[in-house]
Amino acid sequence: MQTLRPIADLSWDRAADEDFLLPPPNPGQRIACHVHPEDMRRLDLHATLTAAGIAPSPGDREAIERLSALPDSVHEALRRWLRAAG
Protein backbone atom coordinates (compact mmCIF):
# COMPACT_ATOMS: atom_id res chain seq x y z
CA MET A 1 0.00 0.00 0.00
CA GLN A 2 1.27 3.42 -0.92
CA THR A 3 1.71 5.94 1.88
CA LEU A 4 0.87 9.57 1.29
CA ARG A 5 3.44 12.25 2.04
CA PRO A 6 2.52 15.68 3.37
CA ILE A 7 2.43 18.39 0.74
CA ALA A 8 5.45 20.09 2.34
CA ASP A 9 7.58 17.01 1.51
CA LEU A 10 6.86 17.20 -2.21
CA SER A 11 9.77 18.50 -4.20
CA TRP A 12 9.79 19.55 -7.83
CA ASP A 13 12.89 19.35 -9.94
CA ARG A 14 11.57 22.02 -12.30
CA ALA A 15 10.28 25.53 -11.91
CA ALA A 16 6.53 25.81 -11.32
CA ASP A 17 6.01 27.80 -14.51
CA GLU A 18 8.09 25.47 -16.72
CA ASP A 19 6.23 22.98 -18.87
CA PHE A 20 7.38 19.36 -18.67
CA LEU A 21 6.28 15.88 -19.66
CA LEU A 22 5.00 13.42 -17.11
CA PRO A 23 6.85 10.13 -16.77
CA PRO A 24 5.25 7.17 -18.56
CA PRO A 25 2.83 5.10 -16.48
CA ASN A 26 4.13 2.05 -14.68
CA PRO A 27 2.35 -1.03 -16.12
CA GLY A 28 2.71 -2.77 -12.75
CA GLN A 29 0.47 -0.14 -11.14
CA ARG A 30 -2.40 -0.49 -13.59
CA ILE A 31 -5.77 -1.58 -12.30
CA ALA A 32 -6.68 -4.97 -13.70
CA CYS A 33 -9.95 -4.80 -15.60
CA HIS A 34 -11.54 -6.66 -18.46
CA VAL A 35 -14.06 -5.14 -20.83
CA HIS A 36 -16.50 -7.66 -22.27
CA PRO A 37 -16.25 -7.79 -26.10
CA GLU A 38 -19.90 -6.85 -26.48
CA ASP A 39 -19.37 -3.77 -24.32
CA MET A 40 -16.29 -2.84 -26.36
CA ARG A 41 -18.27 -3.17 -29.59
CA ARG A 42 -21.01 -0.96 -28.11
CA LEU A 43 -18.49 1.72 -27.14
CA ASP A 44 -16.83 1.50 -30.57
CA LEU A 45 -20.20 1.82 -32.28
CA HIS A 46 -21.07 4.93 -30.25
CA ALA A 47 -17.68 6.46 -31.10
CA THR A 48 -18.03 5.62 -34.81
CA LEU A 49 -21.55 7.03 -34.99
CA THR A 50 -20.44 10.21 -33.23
CA ALA A 51 -17.41 10.59 -35.52
CA ALA A 52 -19.72 10.19 -38.54
CA GLY A 53 -21.90 13.03 -37.22
CA ILE A 54 -24.74 10.74 -36.19
CA ALA A 55 -25.88 11.35 -32.65
CA PRO A 56 -27.75 8.29 -31.34
CA SER A 57 -31.15 9.13 -29.92
CA PRO A 58 -32.21 7.78 -26.53
CA GLY A 59 -34.63 5.47 -28.37
CA ASP A 60 -31.74 3.91 -30.32
CA ARG A 61 -30.41 2.07 -27.28
CA GLU A 62 -32.08 -1.24 -28.12
CA ALA A 63 -30.79 -1.15 -31.71
CA ILE A 64 -27.26 -0.39 -30.52
CA GLU A 65 -27.44 -3.20 -27.96
CA ARG A 66 -28.57 -5.68 -30.62
CA LEU A 67 -25.92 -4.52 -33.09
CA SER A 68 -23.27 -4.87 -30.40
CA ALA A 69 -24.29 -8.50 -29.84
CA LEU A 70 -23.45 -9.38 -33.47
CA PRO A 71 -20.10 -11.04 -34.27
CA ASP A 72 -16.93 -8.97 -34.69
CA SER A 73 -16.89 -9.44 -38.47
CA VAL A 74 -20.34 -7.86 -38.82
CA HIS A 75 -19.40 -5.07 -36.45
CA GLU A 76 -16.18 -4.32 -38.38
CA ALA A 77 -18.17 -4.02 -41.62
CA LEU A 78 -20.69 -1.73 -39.95
CA ARG A 79 -17.93 0.55 -38.63
CA ARG A 80 -16.21 0.57 -42.03
CA TRP A 81 -19.47 1.62 -43.73
CA LEU A 82 -20.08 4.37 -41.19
CA ARG A 83 -16.53 5.69 -41.55
CA ALA A 84 -16.89 5.75 -45.32
CA ALA A 85 -20.21 7.60 -45.05
CA GLY A 86 -18.81 10.16 -42.58
C-alpha atoms as a PDB file:
ATOM      1  CA  MET A   1       0.000   0.000   0.000  1.00  0.00           C
ATOM      2  CA  GLN A   2       1.273   3.422  -0.916  1.00  0.00           C
ATOM      3  CA  THR A   3       1.711   5.940   1.880  1.00  0.00           C
ATOM      4  CA  LEU A   4       0.873   9.570   1.294  1.00  0.00           C
ATOM      5  CA  ARG A   5       3.443  12.249   2.042  1.00  0.00           C
ATOM      6  CA  PRO A   6       2.519  15.684   3.372  1.00  0.00           C
ATOM      7  CA  ILE A   7       2.433  18.393   0.742  1.00  0.00           C
ATOM      8  CA  ALA A   8       5.450  20.088   2.345  1.00  0.00           C
ATOM      9  CA  ASP A   9       7.581  17.010   1.512  1.00  0.00           C
ATOM     10  CA  LEU A  10       6.865  17.201  -2.209  1.00  0.00           C
ATOM     11  CA  SER A  11       9.772  18.502  -4.198  1.00  0.00           C
ATOM     12  CA  TRP A  12       9.790  19.548  -7.826  1.00  0.00           C
ATOM     13  CA  ASP A  13      12.892  19.354  -9.943  1.00  0.00           C
ATOM     14  CA  ARG A  14      11.568  22.020 -12.297  1.00  0.00           C
ATOM     15  CA  ALA A  15      10.275  25.533 -11.912  1.00  0.00           C
ATOM     16  CA  ALA A  16       6.535  25.811 -11.319  1.00  0.00           C
ATOM     17  CA  ASP A  17       6.009  27.802 -14.510  1.00  0.00           C
ATOM     18  CA  GLU A  18       8.093  25.470 -16.720  1.00  0.00           C
ATOM     19  CA  ASP A  19       6.230  22.978 -18.874  1.00  0.00           C
ATOM     20  CA  PHE A  20       7.378  19.363 -18.669  1.00  0.00           C
ATOM     21  CA  LEU A  21       6.284  15.877 -19.663  1.00  0.00           C
ATOM     22  CA  LEU A  22       5.001  13.419 -17.105  1.00  0.00           C
ATOM     23  CA  PRO A  23       6.848  10.129 -16.774  1.00  0.00           C
ATOM     24  CA  PRO A  24       5.251   7.173 -18.563  1.00  0.00           C
ATOM     25  CA  PRO A  25       2.826   5.095 -16.484  1.00  0.00           C
ATOM     26  CA  ASN A  26       4.130   2.049 -14.677  1.00  0.00           C
ATOM     27  CA  PRO A  27       2.345  -1.032 -16.121  1.00  0.00           C
ATOM     28  CA  GLY A  28       2.707  -2.771 -12.754  1.00  0.00           C
ATOM     29  CA  GLN A  29       0.470  -0.142 -11.135  1.00  0.00           C
ATOM     30  CA  ARG A  30      -2.404  -0.491 -13.586  1.00  0.00           C
ATOM     31  CA  ILE A  31      -5.771  -1.580 -12.297  1.00  0.00           C
ATOM     32  CA  ALA A  32      -6.678  -4.969 -13.698  1.00  0.00           C
ATOM     33  CA  CYS A  33      -9.953  -4.804 -15.599  1.00  0.00           C
ATOM     34  CA  HIS A  34     -11.537  -6.659 -18.456  1.00  0.00           C
ATOM     35  CA  VAL A  35     -14.063  -5.144 -20.835  1.00  0.00           C
ATOM     36  CA  HIS A  36     -16.497  -7.658 -22.271  1.00  0.00           C
ATOM     37  CA  PRO A  37     -16.246  -7.794 -26.100  1.00  0.00           C
ATOM     38  CA  GLU A  38     -19.902  -6.854 -26.481  1.00  0.00           C
ATOM     39  CA  ASP A  39     -19.366  -3.766 -24.316  1.00  0.00           C
ATOM     40  CA  MET A  40     -16.285  -2.842 -26.356  1.00  0.00           C
ATOM     41  CA  ARG A  41     -18.274  -3.166 -29.595  1.00  0.00           C
ATOM     42  CA  ARG A  42     -21.015  -0.959 -28.114  1.00  0.00           C
ATOM     43  CA  LEU A  43     -18.488   1.720 -27.140  1.00  0.00           C
ATOM     44  CA  ASP A  44     -16.828   1.504 -30.575  1.00  0.00           C
ATOM     45  CA  LEU A  45     -20.202   1.820 -32.279  1.00  0.00           C
ATOM     46  CA  HIS A  46     -21.075   4.926 -30.255  1.00  0.00           C
ATOM     47  CA  ALA A  47     -17.684   6.457 -31.099  1.00  0.00           C
ATOM     48  CA  THR A  48     -18.026   5.616 -34.806  1.00  0.00           C
ATOM     49  CA  LEU A  49     -21.547   7.030 -34.985  1.00  0.00           C
ATOM     50  CA  THR A  50     -20.440  10.208 -33.231  1.00  0.00           C
ATOM     51  CA  ALA A  51     -17.409  10.594 -35.524  1.00  0.00           C
ATOM     52  CA  ALA A  52     -19.715  10.190 -38.543  1.00  0.00           C
ATOM     53  CA  GLY A  53     -21.897  13.027 -37.217  1.00  0.00           C
ATOM     54  CA  ILE A  54     -24.743  10.741 -36.189  1.00  0.00           C
ATOM     55  CA  ALA A  55     -25.883  11.351 -32.646  1.00  0.00           C
ATOM     56  CA  PRO A  56     -27.747   8.293 -31.338  1.00  0.00           C
ATOM     57  CA  SER A  57     -31.153   9.131 -29.922  1.00  0.00           C
ATOM     58  CA  PRO A  58     -32.214   7.781 -26.532  1.00  0.00           C
ATOM     59  CA  GLY A  59     -34.626   5.474 -28.370  1.00  0.00           C
ATOM     60  CA  ASP A  60     -31.739   3.913 -30.317  1.00  0.00           C
ATOM     61  CA  ARG A  61     -30.414   2.075 -27.276  1.00  0.00           C
ATOM     62  CA  GLU A  62     -32.078  -1.243 -28.120  1.00  0.00           C
ATOM     63  CA  ALA A  63     -30.788  -1.149 -31.709  1.00  0.00           C
ATOM     64  CA  ILE A  64     -27.257  -0.388 -30.515  1.00  0.00           C
ATOM     65  CA  GLU A  65     -27.436  -3.202 -27.958  1.00  0.00           C
ATOM     66  CA  ARG A  66     -28.575  -5.679 -30.616  1.00  0.00           C
ATOM     67  CA  LEU A  67     -25.924  -4.523 -33.093  1.00  0.00           C
ATOM     68  CA  SER A  68     -23.271  -4.870 -30.397  1.00  0.00           C
ATOM     69  CA  ALA A  69     -24.294  -8.497 -29.843  1.00  0.00           C
ATOM     70  CA  LEU A  70     -23.450  -9.382 -33.465  1.00  0.00           C
ATOM     71  CA  PRO A  71     -20.096 -11.042 -34.273  1.00  0.00           C
ATOM     72  CA  ASP A  72     -16.934  -8.968 -34.687  1.00  0.00           C
ATOM     73  CA  SER A  73     -16.888  -9.445 -38.472  1.00  0.00           C
ATOM     74  CA  VAL A  74     -20.345  -7.861 -38.817  1.00  0.00           C
ATOM     75  CA  HIS A  75     -19.396  -5.067 -36.445  1.00  0.00           C
ATOM     76  CA  GLU A  76     -16.184  -4.323 -38.376  1.00  0.00           C
ATOM     77  CA  ALA A  77     -18.166  -4.025 -41.621  1.00  0.00           C
ATOM     78  CA  LEU A  78     -20.687  -1.729 -39.955  1.00  0.00           C
ATOM     79  CA  ARG A  79     -17.930   0.552 -38.628  1.00  0.00           C
ATOM     80  CA  ARG A  80     -16.207   0.575 -42.029  1.00  0.00           C
ATOM     81  CA  TRP A  81     -19.472   1.623 -43.731  1.00  0.00           C
ATOM     82  CA  LEU A  82     -20.076   4.368 -41.194  1.00  0.00           C
ATOM     83  CA  ARG A  83     -16.530   5.693 -41.549  1.00  0.00           C
ATOM     84  CA  ALA A  84     -16.894   5.746 -45.324  1.00  0.00           C
ATOM     85  CA  ALA A  85     -20.212   7.604 -45.046  1.00  0.00           C
ATOM     86  CA  GLY A  86     -18.806  10.163 -42.580  1.00  0.00           C
END
